[in-house]
């Protein structure tokens, strides 16, 4: 069995020369960067874009205190209540980071609230 080694840029140490080159690049204004070979990405492109199917965010274990009725509600929906809680929090986070998406989501999936 072959072991697959996973490496990314953060695994390699930056030498002083690399750090200087990166700092110099970061200081360059956008207008000095030649993007003529890169096509402009339009809204149409992003409408058809999908998340990488192999993407899995890193999970971090922690203790979180939630109201008992919230936990009961999540558990009533069946197995995977922690995953659902994570998905709910992620949706709120993404909505806060990109308000335009929030408006589109709300208009598509607006449900009357229970009083």
PDB file of N, CA and C in Angstrom:
ATOM      1  N   UNK A   1       0.844  -1.183   0.000  1.00  0.00           N
ATOM      2  CA  UNK A   1       0.000   0.000   0.000  1.00  0.00           C
ATOM      3  C   UNK A   1       0.888   1.245   0.000  1.00  0.00           C
ATOM      4  N   UNK A   2       0.599   2.162  -0.875  1.00  0.00           N
ATOM      5  CA  UNK A   2       1.379   3.382  -0.995  1.00  0.00           C
ATOM      6  C   UNK A   2       0.788   4.457  -0.102  1.00  0.00           C
ATOM      7  N   UNK A   3       1.628   5.096   0.657  1.00  0.00           N
ATOM      8  CA  UNK A   3       1.169   6.173   1.516  1.00  0.00           C
ATOM      9  C   UNK A   3       1.218   7.479   0.734  1.00  0.00           C
ATOM     10  N   UNK A   4       0.118   8.199   0.758  1.00  0.00           N
ATOM     11  CA  UNK A   4       0.047   9.468   0.050  1.00  0.00           C
ATOM     12  C   UNK A   4       0.460  10.566   1.022  1.00  0.00           C
ATOM     13  N   UNK A   5       1.461  11.301   0.645  1.00  0.00           N
ATOM     14  CA  UNK A   5       1.924  12.407   1.487  1.00  0.00           C
ATOM     15  C   UNK A   5       1.211  13.676   1.048  1.00  0.00           C
ATOM     16  N   UNK A   6       0.652  14.362   1.989  1.00  0.00           N
ATOM     17  CA  UNK A   6      -0.054  15.605   1.693  1.00  0.00           C
ATOM     18  C   UNK A   6       0.812  16.761   2.158  1.00  0.00           C
ATOM     19  N   UNK A   7       1.131  17.643   1.235  1.00  0.00           N
ATOM     20  CA  UNK A   7       1.949  18.805   1.569  1.00  0.00           C
ATOM     21  C   UNK A   7       1.293  20.037   0.987  1.00  0.00           C
ATOM     22  N   UNK A   8       1.489  21.121   1.645  1.00  0.00           N
ATOM     23  CA  UNK A   8       1.025  22.379   1.089  1.00  0.00           C
ATOM     24  C   UNK A   8       2.101  23.429   1.330  1.00  0.00           C
ATOM     25  N   UNK A   9       1.863  24.632   0.838  1.00  0.00           N
ATOM     26  CA  UNK A   9       2.890  25.668   0.927  1.00  0.00           C
ATOM     27  C   UNK A   9       3.256  26.014   2.362  1.00  0.00           C
ATOM     28  N   UNK A  10       2.321  25.876   3.275  1.00  0.00           N
ATOM     29  CA  UNK A  10       2.627  26.229   4.655  1.00  0.00           C
ATOM     30  C   UNK A  10       3.574  25.227   5.305  1.00  0.00           C
ATOM     31  N   UNK A  11       3.736  24.036   4.686  1.00  0.00           N
ATOM     32  CA  UNK A  11       4.663  23.049   5.228  1.00  0.00           C
ATOM     33  C   UNK A  11       6.123  23.408   4.943  1.00  0.00           C
ATOM     34  N   UNK A  12       6.363  24.144   3.857  1.00  0.00           N
ATOM     35  CA  UNK A  12       7.746  24.487   3.522  1.00  0.00           C
ATOM     36  C   UNK A  12       8.130  25.782   4.234  1.00  0.00           C
ATOM     37  N   UNK A  13       9.354  25.802   4.681  1.00  0.00           N
ATOM     38  CA  UNK A  13       9.836  26.994   5.389  1.00  0.00           C
ATOM     39  C   UNK A  13      10.274  28.044   4.381  1.00  0.00           C
ATOM     40  N   UNK A  14       9.935  29.266   4.686  1.00  0.00           N
ATOM     41  CA  UNK A  14      10.323  30.359   3.805  1.00  0.00           C
ATOM     42  C   UNK A  14      11.723  30.833   4.181  1.00  0.00           C
ATOM     43  N   UNK A  15      12.572  30.887   3.177  1.00  0.00           N
ATOM     44  CA  UNK A  15      13.911  31.411   3.408  1.00  0.00           C
ATOM     45  C   UNK A  15      13.817  32.932   3.412  1.00  0.00           C
ATOM     46  N   UNK A  16      14.875  33.574   3.836  1.00  0.00           N
ATOM     47  CA  UNK A  16      14.901  35.037   3.864  1.00  0.00           C
ATOM     48  C   UNK A  16      14.738  35.599   2.455  1.00  0.00           C
ATOM     49  N   UNK A  17      15.332  34.943   1.474  1.00  0.00           N
ATOM     50  CA  UNK A  17      15.223  35.399   0.087  1.00  0.00           C
ATOM     51  C   UNK A  17      13.779  35.306  -0.386  1.00  0.00           C
ATOM     52  N   UNK A  18      13.112  34.176  -0.087  1.00  0.00           N
ATOM     53  CA  UNK A  18      11.706  34.015  -0.482  1.00  0.00           C
ATOM     54  C   UNK A  18      10.826  35.051   0.198  1.00  0.00           C
ATOM     55  N   UNK A  19      11.075  35.302   1.470  1.00  0.00           N
ATOM     56  CA  UNK A  19      10.277  36.297   2.201  1.00  0.00           C
ATOM     57  C   UNK A  19      10.423  37.672   1.565  1.00  0.00           C
ATOM     58  N   UNK A  20      11.642  38.032   1.175  1.00  0.00           N
ATOM     59  CA  UNK A  20      11.865  39.339   0.545  1.00  0.00           C
ATOM     60  C   UNK A  20      11.146  39.425  -0.800  1.00  0.00           C
ATOM     61  N   UNK A  21      11.214  38.344  -1.596  1.00  0.00           N
ATOM     62  CA  UNK A  21      10.541  38.346  -2.893  1.00  0.00           C
ATOM     63  C   UNK A  21       9.028  38.463  -2.734  1.00  0.00           C
ATOM     64  N   UNK A  22       8.470  37.738  -1.774  1.00  0.00           N
ATOM     65  CA  UNK A  22       7.032  37.811  -1.536  1.00  0.00           C
ATOM     66  C   UNK A  22       6.614  39.191  -1.050  1.00  0.00           C
ATOM     67  N   UNK A  23       7.409  39.777  -0.177  1.00  0.00           N
ATOM     68  CA  UNK A  23       7.102  41.122   0.321  1.00  0.00           C
ATOM     69  C   UNK A  23       7.145  42.130  -0.829  1.00  0.00           C
ATOM     70  N   UNK A  24       8.136  41.989  -1.715  1.00  0.00           N
ATOM     71  CA  UNK A  24       8.250  42.885  -2.861  1.00  0.00           C
ATOM     72  C   UNK A  24       7.036  42.743  -3.778  1.00  0.00           C
ATOM     73  N   UNK A  25       6.603  41.505  -4.026  1.00  0.00           N
ATOM     74  CA  UNK A  25       5.417  41.280  -4.850  1.00  0.00           C
ATOM     75  C   UNK A  25       4.164  41.854  -4.199  1.00  0.00           C
ATOM     76  N   UNK A  26       4.034  41.707  -2.907  1.00  0.00           N
ATOM     77  CA  UNK A  26       2.849  42.193  -2.197  1.00  0.00           C
ATOM     78  C   UNK A  26       2.755  43.717  -2.246  1.00  0.00           C
ATOM     79  N   UNK A  27       3.893  44.382  -2.340  1.00  0.00           N
ATOM     80  CA  UNK A  27       3.895  45.855  -2.388  1.00  0.00           C
ATOM     81  C   UNK A  27       3.529  46.402  -3.763  1.00  0.00           C
ATOM     82  N   UNK A  28       3.554  45.558  -4.795  1.00  0.00           N
ATOM     83  CA  UNK A  28       3.248  46.024  -6.146  1.00  0.00           C
ATOM     84  C   UNK A  28       1.779  46.418  -6.252  1.00  0.00           C
ATOM     85  N   UNK A  29       1.502  47.554  -6.870  1.00  0.00           N
ATOM     86  CA  UNK A  29       0.097  47.922  -7.095  1.00  0.00           C
ATOM     87  C   UNK A  29      -0.528  47.015  -8.159  1.00  0.00           C
ATOM     88  N   UNK A  30      -1.835  46.873  -8.108  1.00  0.00           N
ATOM     89  CA  UNK A  30      -2.544  45.981  -9.022  1.00  0.00           C
ATOM     90  C   UNK A  30      -2.321  46.328 -10.496  1.00  0.00           C
ATOM     91  N   UNK A  31      -2.220  47.617 -10.790  1.00  0.00           N
ATOM     92  CA  UNK A  31      -2.096  48.006 -12.191  1.00  0.00           C
ATOM     93  C   UNK A  31      -0.765  47.556 -12.801  1.00  0.00           C
ATOM     94  N   UNK A  32       0.210  47.201 -11.996  1.00  0.00           N
ATOM     95  CA  UNK A  32       1.495  46.727 -12.518  1.00  0.00           C
ATOM     96  C   UNK A  32       1.501  45.222 -12.797  1.00  0.00           C
ATOM     97  N   UNK A  33       0.451  44.540 -12.436  1.00  0.00           N
ATOM     98  CA  UNK A  33       0.383  43.103 -12.645  1.00  0.00           C
ATOM     99  C   UNK A  33      -0.249  42.827 -14.005  1.00  0.00           C
ATOM    100  N   UNK A  34       0.451  42.090 -14.849  1.00  0.00           N
ATOM    101  CA  UNK A  34      -0.023  41.783 -16.198  1.00  0.00           C
ATOM    102  C   UNK A  34      -1.002  40.614 -16.136  1.00  0.00           C
ATOM    103  N   UNK A  35      -2.264  40.902 -16.393  1.00  0.00           N
ATOM    104  CA  UNK A  35      -3.296  39.858 -16.387  1.00  0.00           C
ATOM    105  C   UNK A  35      -3.862  39.635 -17.791  1.00  0.00           C
ATOM    106  N   UNK A  36      -3.115  40.047 -18.828  1.00  0.00           N
ATOM    107  CA  UNK A  36      -3.621  39.961 -20.194  1.00  0.00           C
ATOM    108  C   UNK A  36      -3.878  38.526 -20.643  1.00  0.00           C
ATOM    109  N   UNK A  37      -3.163  37.555 -20.076  1.00  0.00           N
ATOM    110  CA  UNK A  37      -3.359  36.163 -20.471  1.00  0.00           C
ATOM    111  C   UNK A  37      -4.480  35.476 -19.682  1.00  0.00           C
ATOM    112  N   UNK A  38      -5.019  36.152 -18.692  1.00  0.00           N
ATOM    113  CA  UNK A  38      -6.074  35.581 -17.863  1.00  0.00           C
ATOM    114  C   UNK A  38      -7.427  36.098 -18.332  1.00  0.00           C
ATOM    115  N   UNK A  39      -8.386  35.216 -18.587  1.00  0.00           N
ATOM    116  CA  UNK A  39      -9.703  35.704 -18.999  1.00  0.00           C
ATOM    117  C   UNK A  39     -10.431  36.345 -17.814  1.00  0.00           C
ATOM    118  N   UNK A  40     -11.243  37.325 -18.125  1.00  0.00           N
ATOM    119  CA  UNK A  40     -12.054  37.977 -17.102  1.00  0.00           C
ATOM    120  C   UNK A  40     -13.160  37.017 -16.663  1.00  0.00           C
ATOM    121  N   UNK A  41     -13.341  36.842 -15.364  1.00  0.00           N
ATOM    122  CA  UNK A  41     -14.391  35.954 -14.857  1.00  0.00           C
ATOM    123  C   UNK A  41     -15.668  36.766 -14.664  1.00  0.00           C
ATOM    124  N   UNK A  42     -16.692  36.369 -15.375  1.00  0.00           N
ATOM    125  CA  UNK A  42     -17.958  37.090 -15.330  1.00  0.00           C
ATOM    126  C   UNK A  42     -18.908  36.437 -14.329  1.00  0.00           C
ATOM    127  N   UNK A  43     -20.033  37.079 -14.096  1.00  0.00           N
ATOM    128  CA  UNK A  43     -21.056  36.523 -13.207  1.00  0.00           C
ATOM    129  C   UNK A  43     -21.561  35.182 -13.735  1.00  0.00           C
ATOM    130  N   UNK A  44     -21.626  35.035 -15.052  1.00  0.00           N
ATOM    131  CA  UNK A  44     -22.090  33.791 -15.661  1.00  0.00           C
ATOM    132  C   UNK A  44     -21.186  32.623 -15.244  1.00  0.00           C
ATOM    133  N   UNK A  45     -19.881  32.868 -15.195  1.00  0.00           N
ATOM    134  CA  UNK A  45     -18.944  31.825 -14.767  1.00  0.00           C
ATOM    135  C   UNK A  45     -19.258  31.376 -13.344  1.00  0.00           C
ATOM    136  N   UNK A  46     -19.470  32.318 -12.456  1.00  0.00           N
ATOM    137  CA  UNK A  46     -19.680  31.981 -11.046  1.00  0.00           C
ATOM    138  C   UNK A  46     -21.042  31.344 -10.806  1.00  0.00           C
ATOM    139  N   UNK A  47     -22.025  31.587 -11.675  1.00  0.00           N
ATOM    140  CA  UNK A  47     -23.331  30.950 -11.529  1.00  0.00           C
ATOM    141  C   UNK A  47     -23.240  29.442 -11.711  1.00  0.00           C
ATOM    142  N   UNK A  48     -22.314  28.999 -12.543  1.00  0.00           N
ATOM    143  CA  UNK A  48     -22.167  27.572 -12.819  1.00  0.00           C
ATOM    144  C   UNK A  48     -21.073  26.923 -11.977  1.00  0.00           C
ATOM    145  N   UNK A  49     -20.395  27.695 -11.181  1.00  0.00           N
ATOM    146  CA  UNK A  49     -19.279  27.161 -10.390  1.00  0.00           C
ATOM    147  C   UNK A  49     -19.808  26.271  -9.268  1.00  0.00           C
ATOM    148  N   UNK A  50     -19.057  25.230  -8.959  1.00  0.00           N
ATOM    149  CA  UNK A  50     -19.400  24.341  -7.851  1.00  0.00           C
ATOM    150  C   UNK A  50     -18.182  24.194  -6.955  1.00  0.00           C
ATOM    151  N   UNK A  51     -18.442  23.939  -5.696  1.00  0.00           N
ATOM    152  CA  UNK A  51     -17.361  23.734  -4.740  1.00  0.00           C
ATOM    153  C   UNK A  51     -16.623  22.435  -5.079  1.00  0.00           C
ATOM    154  N   UNK A  52     -15.348  22.431  -4.862  1.00  0.00           N
ATOM    155  CA  UNK A  52     -14.544  21.235  -5.081  1.00  0.00           C
ATOM    156  C   UNK A  52     -15.173  20.072  -4.315  1.00  0.00           C
ATOM    157  N   UNK A  53     -15.519  18.978  -4.988  1.00  0.00           N
ATOM    158  CA  UNK A  53     -16.182  17.872  -4.295  1.00  0.00           C
ATOM    159  C   UNK A  53     -15.280  17.185  -3.263  1.00  0.00           C
ATOM    160  N   UNK A  54     -13.987  17.413  -3.343  1.00  0.00           N
ATOM    161  CA  UNK A  54     -13.054  16.795  -2.401  1.00  0.00           C
ATOM    162  C   UNK A  54     -12.714  17.722  -1.230  1.00  0.00           C
ATOM    163  N   UNK A  55     -13.293  18.925  -1.243  1.00  0.00           N
ATOM    164  CA  UNK A  55     -13.026  19.889  -0.178  1.00  0.00           C
ATOM    165  C   UNK A  55     -13.688  19.446   1.118  1.00  0.00           C
ATOM    166  N   UNK A  56     -12.929  19.395   2.184  1.00  0.00           N
ATOM    167  CA  UNK A  56     -13.466  19.103   3.508  1.00  0.00           C
ATOM    168  C   UNK A  56     -12.801  20.048   4.492  1.00  0.00           C
ATOM    169  N   UNK A  57     -13.560  20.968   5.060  1.00  0.00           N
ATOM    170  CA  UNK A  57     -12.942  21.893   6.003  1.00  0.00           C
ATOM    171  C   UNK A  57     -12.434  21.153   7.234  1.00  0.00           C
ATOM    172  N   UNK A  58     -11.385  21.676   7.816  1.00  0.00           N
ATOM    173  CA  UNK A  58     -10.846  21.078   9.030  1.00  0.00           C
ATOM    174  C   UNK A  58     -11.845  21.255  10.160  1.00  0.00           C
ATOM    175  N   UNK A  59     -12.025  20.221  10.934  1.00  0.00           N
ATOM    176  CA  UNK A  59     -12.927  20.276  12.082  1.00  0.00           C
ATOM    177  C   UNK A  59     -12.089  20.459  13.333  1.00  0.00           C
ATOM    178  N   UNK A  60     -12.646  21.162  14.287  1.00  0.00           N
ATOM    179  CA  UNK A  60     -11.968  21.402  15.547  1.00  0.00           C
ATOM    180  C   UNK A  60     -12.938  21.079  16.673  1.00  0.00           C
ATOM    181  N   UNK A  61     -12.505  20.233  17.577  1.00  0.00           N
ATOM    182  CA  UNK A  61     -13.385  19.850  18.679  1.00  0.00           C
ATOM    183  C   UNK A  61     -13.382  20.942  19.744  1.00  0.00           C
ATOM    184  N   UNK A  62     -14.576  21.253  20.239  1.00  0.00           N
ATOM    185  CA  UNK A  62     -14.698  22.227  21.308  1.00  0.00           C
ATOM    186  C   UNK A  62     -15.971  21.956  22.094  1.00  0.00           C
ATOM    187  N   UNK A  63     -16.079  22.602  23.218  1.00  0.00           N
ATOM    188  CA  UNK A  63     -17.285  22.488  24.026  1.00  0.00           C
ATOM    189  C   UNK A  63     -18.106  23.749  23.807  1.00  0.00           C
ATOM    190  N   UNK A  64     -19.375  23.552  23.495  1.00  0.00           N
ATOM    191  CA  UNK A  64     -20.268  24.668  23.199  1.00  0.00           C
ATOM    192  C   UNK A  64     -21.533  24.484  24.012  1.00  0.00           C
ATOM    193  N   UNK A  65     -21.943  25.487  24.727  1.00  0.00           N
ATOM    194  CA  UNK A  65     -23.157  25.399  25.530  1.00  0.00           C
ATOM    195  C   UNK A  65     -24.318  25.989  24.748  1.00  0.00           C
ATOM    196  N   UNK A  66     -25.313  25.139  24.495  1.00  0.00           N
ATOM    197  CA  UNK A  66     -26.509  25.547  23.768  1.00  0.00           C
ATOM    198  C   UNK A  66     -27.727  25.339  24.656  1.00  0.00           C
ATOM    199  N   UNK A  67     -28.774  26.075  24.368  1.00  0.00           N
ATOM    200  CA  UNK A  67     -30.014  25.898  25.113  1.00  0.00           C
ATOM    201  C   UNK A  67     -30.564  24.499  24.863  1.00  0.00           C
ATOM    202  N   UNK A  68     -31.177  23.927  25.879  1.00  0.00           N
ATOM    203  CA  UNK A  68     -31.696  22.558  25.808  1.00  0.00           C
ATOM    204  C   UNK A  68     -32.736  22.414  24.704  1.00  0.00           C
ATOM    205  N   UNK A  69     -33.589  23.426  24.516  1.00  0.00           N
ATOM    206  CA  UNK A  69     -34.616  23.313  23.480  1.00  0.00           C
ATOM    207  C   UNK A  69     -34.011  23.334  22.076  1.00  0.00           C
ATOM    208  N   UNK A  70     -32.895  24.036  21.899  1.00  0.00           N
ATOM    209  CA  UNK A  70     -32.213  24.061  20.598  1.00  0.00           C
ATOM    210  C   UNK A  70     -31.640  22.682  20.299  1.00  0.00           C
ATOM    211  N   UNK A  71     -31.002  22.068  21.285  1.00  0.00           N
ATOM    212  CA  UNK A  71     -30.442  20.725  21.105  1.00  0.00           C
ATOM    213  C   UNK A  71     -31.555  19.723  20.831  1.00  0.00           C
ATOM    214  N   UNK A  72     -32.655  19.819  21.556  1.00  0.00           N
ATOM    215  CA  UNK A  72     -33.784  18.908  21.350  1.00  0.00           C
ATOM    216  C   UNK A  72     -34.330  19.047  19.934  1.00  0.00           C
ATOM    217  N   UNK A  73     -34.448  20.282  19.458  1.00  0.00           N
ATOM    218  CA  UNK A  73     -34.937  20.528  18.097  1.00  0.00           C
ATOM    219  C   UNK A  73     -34.013  19.897  17.064  1.00  0.00           C
ATOM    220  N   UNK A  74     -32.702  20.062  17.234  1.00  0.00           N
ATOM    221  CA  UNK A  74     -31.737  19.479  16.297  1.00  0.00           C
ATOM    222  C   UNK A  74     -31.795  17.952  16.326  1.00  0.00           C
ATOM    223  N   UNK A  75     -31.897  17.384  17.519  1.00  0.00           N
ATOM    224  CA  UNK A  75     -31.916  15.920  17.654  1.00  0.00           C
ATOM    225  C   UNK A  75     -33.210  15.308  17.116  1.00  0.00           C
ATOM    226  N   UNK A  76     -34.328  16.031  17.215  1.00  0.00           N
ATOM    227  CA  UNK A  76     -35.610  15.523  16.711  1.00  0.00           C
ATOM    228  C   UNK A  76     -35.559  15.281  15.207  1.00  0.00           C
ATOM    229  N   UNK A  77     -34.682  15.979  14.522  1.00  0.00           N
ATOM    230  CA  UNK A  77     -34.585  15.844  13.070  1.00  0.00           C
ATOM    231  C   UNK A  77     -33.791  14.603  12.660  1.00  0.00           C
ATOM    232  N   UNK A  78     -33.296  13.855  13.637  1.00  0.00           N
ATOM    233  CA  UNK A  78     -32.607  12.602  13.335  1.00  0.00           C
ATOM    234  C   UNK A  78     -31.110  12.676  13.552  1.00  0.00           C
ATOM    235  N   UNK A  79     -30.456  11.611  13.118  1.00  0.00           N
ATOM    236  CA  UNK A  79     -29.020  11.474  13.297  1.00  0.00           C
ATOM    237  C   UNK A  79     -28.272  12.607  12.582  1.00  0.00           C
ATOM    238  N   UNK A  80     -27.169  13.036  13.155  1.00  0.00           N
ATOM    239  CA  UNK A  80     -26.349  14.075  12.532  1.00  0.00           C
ATOM    240  C   UNK A  80     -26.665  15.476  13.008  1.00  0.00           C
ATOM    241  N   UNK A  81     -27.124  15.592  14.240  1.00  0.00           N
ATOM    242  CA  UNK A  81     -27.525  16.921  14.720  1.00  0.00           C
ATOM    243  C   UNK A  81     -26.350  17.886  14.808  1.00  0.00           C
ATOM    244  N   UNK A  82     -25.150  17.376  15.105  1.00  0.00           N
ATOM    245  CA  UNK A  82     -23.988  18.261  15.179  1.00  0.00           C
ATOM    246  C   UNK A  82     -23.625  18.787  13.795  1.00  0.00           C
ATOM    247  N   UNK A  83     -23.751  17.949  12.794  1.00  0.00           N
ATOM    248  CA  UNK A  83     -23.487  18.367  11.414  1.00  0.00           C
ATOM    249  C   UNK A  83     -24.499  19.425  10.984  1.00  0.00           C
ATOM    250  N   UNK A  84     -25.765  19.230  11.372  1.00  0.00           N
ATOM    251  CA  UNK A  84     -26.791  20.231  11.046  1.00  0.00           C
ATOM    252  C   UNK A  84     -26.516  21.547  11.754  1.00  0.00           C
ATOM    253  N   UNK A  85     -26.110  21.484  13.012  1.00  0.00           N
ATOM    254  CA  UNK A  85     -25.791  22.713  13.747  1.00  0.00           C
ATOM    255  C   UNK A  85     -24.642  23.438  13.058  1.00  0.00           C
ATOM    256  N   UNK A  86     -23.636  22.689  12.610  1.00  0.00           N
ATOM    257  CA  UNK A  86     -22.505  23.287  11.903  1.00  0.00           C
ATOM    258  C   UNK A  86     -22.970  23.938  10.605  1.00  0.00           C
ATOM    259  N   UNK A  87     -23.861  23.256   9.867  1.00  0.00           N
ATOM    260  CA  UNK A  87     -24.372  23.804   8.609  1.00  0.00           C
ATOM    261  C   UNK A  87     -25.161  25.093   8.848  1.00  0.00           C
ATOM    262  N   UNK A  88     -25.964  25.124   9.903  1.00  0.00           N
ATOM    263  CA  UNK A  88     -26.719  26.345  10.232  1.00  0.00           C
ATOM    264  C   UNK A  88     -25.776  27.503  10.544  1.00  0.00           C
ATOM    265  N   UNK A  89     -24.754  27.237  11.341  1.00  0.00           N
ATOM    266  CA  UNK A  89     -23.786  28.284  11.668  1.00  0.00           C
ATOM    267  C   UNK A  89     -23.016  28.731  10.431  1.00  0.00           C
ATOM    268  N   UNK A  90     -22.658  27.782   9.565  1.00  0.00           N
ATOM    269  CA  UNK A  90     -21.939  28.125   8.336  1.00  0.00           C
ATOM    270  C   UNK A  90     -22.792  29.023   7.446  1.00  0.00           C
ATOM    271  N   UNK A  91     -24.085  28.707   7.312  1.00  0.00           N
ATOM    272  CA  UNK A  91     -24.969  29.540   6.486  1.00  0.00           C
ATOM    273  C   UNK A  91     -25.048  30.964   7.016  1.00  0.00           C
ATOM    274  N   UNK A  92     -25.137  31.112   8.322  1.00  0.00           N
ATOM    275  CA  UNK A  92     -25.192  32.451   8.912  1.00  0.00           C
ATOM    276  C   UNK A  92     -23.868  33.171   8.668  1.00  0.00           C
ATOM    277  N   UNK A  93     -22.746  32.453   8.833  1.00  0.00           N
ATOM    278  CA  UNK A  93     -21.434  33.051   8.603  1.00  0.00           C
ATOM    279  C   UNK A  93     -21.298  33.522   7.157  1.00  0.00           C
ATOM    280  N   UNK A  94     -21.670  32.665   6.201  1.00  0.00           N
ATOM    281  CA  UNK A  94     -21.558  33.028   4.791  1.00  0.00           C
ATOM    282  C   UNK A  94     -22.481  34.187   4.439  1.00  0.00           C
ATOM    283  N   UNK A  95     -23.667  34.194   5.031  1.00  0.00           N
ATOM    284  CA  UNK A  95     -24.610  35.292   4.779  1.00  0.00           C
ATOM    285  C   UNK A  95     -24.043  36.616   5.279  1.00  0.00           C
ATOM    286  N   UNK A  96     -23.357  36.561   6.401  1.00  0.00           N
ATOM    287  CA  UNK A  96     -22.761  37.783   6.942  1.00  0.00           C
ATOM    288  C   UNK A  96     -21.577  38.237   6.093  1.00  0.00           C
ATOM    289  N   UNK A  97     -20.819  37.276   5.564  1.00  0.00           N
ATOM    290  CA  UNK A  97     -19.658  37.618   4.751  1.00  0.00           C
ATOM    291  C   UNK A  97     -20.058  38.127   3.376  1.00  0.00           C
ATOM    292  N   UNK A  98     -21.185  37.652   2.840  1.00  0.00           N
ATOM    293  CA  UNK A  98     -21.632  38.069   1.521  1.00  0.00           C
ATOM    294  C   UNK A  98     -23.124  38.366   1.552  1.00  0.00           C
ATOM    295  N   UNK A  99     -23.502  39.601   1.874  1.00  0.00           N
ATOM    296  CA  UNK A  99     -24.924  39.949   2.012  1.00  0.00           C
ATOM    297  C   UNK A  99     -25.743  39.759   0.743  1.00  0.00           C
ATOM    298  N   UNK A 100     -25.136  39.831  -0.451  1.00  0.00           N
ATOM    299  CA  UNK A 100     -25.891  39.657  -1.692  1.00  0.00           C
ATOM    300  C   UNK A 100     -26.493  38.261  -1.772  1.00  0.00           C
ATOM    301  N   UNK A 101     -25.765  37.263  -1.314  1.00  0.00           N
ATOM    302  CA  UNK A 101     -26.258  35.891  -1.337  1.00  0.00           C
ATOM    303  C   UNK A 101     -27.427  35.735  -0.381  1.00  0.00           C
ATOM    304  N   UNK A 102     -27.377  36.415   0.745  1.00  0.00           N
ATOM    305  CA  UNK A 102     -28.440  36.323   1.739  1.00  0.00           C
ATOM    306  C   UNK A 102     -29.780  36.732   1.137  1.00  0.00           C
ATOM    307  N   UNK A 103     -29.789  37.822   0.398  1.00  0.00           N
ATOM    308  CA  UNK A 103     -31.028  38.324  -0.192  1.00  0.00           C
ATOM    309  C   UNK A 103     -31.582  37.293  -1.174  1.00  0.00           C
ATOM    310  N   UNK A 104     -30.719  36.709  -1.993  1.00  0.00           N
ATOM    311  CA  UNK A 104     -31.165  35.717  -2.970  1.00  0.00           C
ATOM    312  C   UNK A 104     -31.708  34.480  -2.273  1.00  0.00           C
ATOM    313  N   UNK A 105     -31.045  34.018  -1.234  1.00  0.00           N
ATOM    314  CA  UNK A 105     -31.493  32.827  -0.510  1.00  0.00           C
ATOM    315  C   UNK A 105     -32.830  33.074   0.158  1.00  0.00           C
ATOM    316  N   UNK A 106     -32.972  34.226   0.792  1.00  0.00           N
ATOM    317  CA  UNK A 106     -34.212  34.525   1.520  1.00  0.00           C
ATOM    318  C   UNK A 106     -35.389  34.589   0.565  1.00  0.00           C
ATOM    319  N   UNK A 107     -35.180  35.161  -0.603  1.00  0.00           N
ATOM    320  CA  UNK A 107     -36.298  35.284  -1.530  1.00  0.00           C
ATOM    321  C   UNK A 107     -36.724  33.936  -2.090  1.00  0.00           C
ATOM    322  N   UNK A 108     -35.768  32.984  -2.235  1.00  0.00           N
ATOM    323  CA  UNK A 108     -36.096  31.672  -2.740  1.00  0.00           C
ATOM    324  C   UNK A 108     -36.729  30.786  -1.696  1.00  0.00           C
ATOM    325  N   UNK A 109     -36.248  30.892  -0.474  1.00  0.00           N
ATOM    326  CA  UNK A 109     -36.687  29.919   0.545  1.00  0.00           C
ATOM    327  C   UNK A 109     -37.343  30.600   1.736  1.00  0.00           C
ATOM    328  N   UNK A 110     -38.135  31.642   1.485  1.00  0.00           N
ATOM    329  CA  UNK A 110     -38.790  32.297   2.612  1.00  0.00           C
ATOM    330  C   UNK A 110     -39.982  31.458   3.050  1.00  0.00           C
ATOM    331  N   UNK A 111     -39.970  31.136   4.327  1.00  0.00           N
ATOM    332  CA  UNK A 111     -41.072  30.363   4.903  1.00  0.00           C
ATOM    333  C   UNK A 111     -41.746  31.219   5.946  1.00  0.00           C
ATOM    334  N   UNK A 112     -43.036  31.075   6.102  1.00  0.00           N
ATOM    335  CA  UNK A 112     -43.700  31.845   7.159  1.00  0.00           C
ATOM    336  C   UNK A 112     -43.214  31.361   8.526  1.00  0.00           C
ATOM    337  N   UNK A 113     -42.980  32.312   9.394  1.00  0.00           N
ATOM    338  CA  UNK A 113     -42.490  31.937  10.724  1.00  0.00           C
ATOM    339  C   UNK A 113     -43.643  31.493  11.601  1.00  0.00           C
ATOM    340  N   UNK A 114     -43.340  30.525  12.475  1.00  0.00           N
ATOM    341  CA  UNK A 114     -44.354  30.018  13.408  1.00  0.00           C
ATOM    342  C   UNK A 114     -44.456  30.978  14.571  1.00  0.00           C
ATOM    343  N   UNK A 115     -45.650  31.408  14.884  1.00  0.00           N
ATOM    344  CA  UNK A 115     -45.833  32.371  15.967  1.00  0.00           C
ATOM    345  C   UNK A 115     -46.249  31.665  17.232  1.00  0.00           C
TER     346      UNK A 115
END
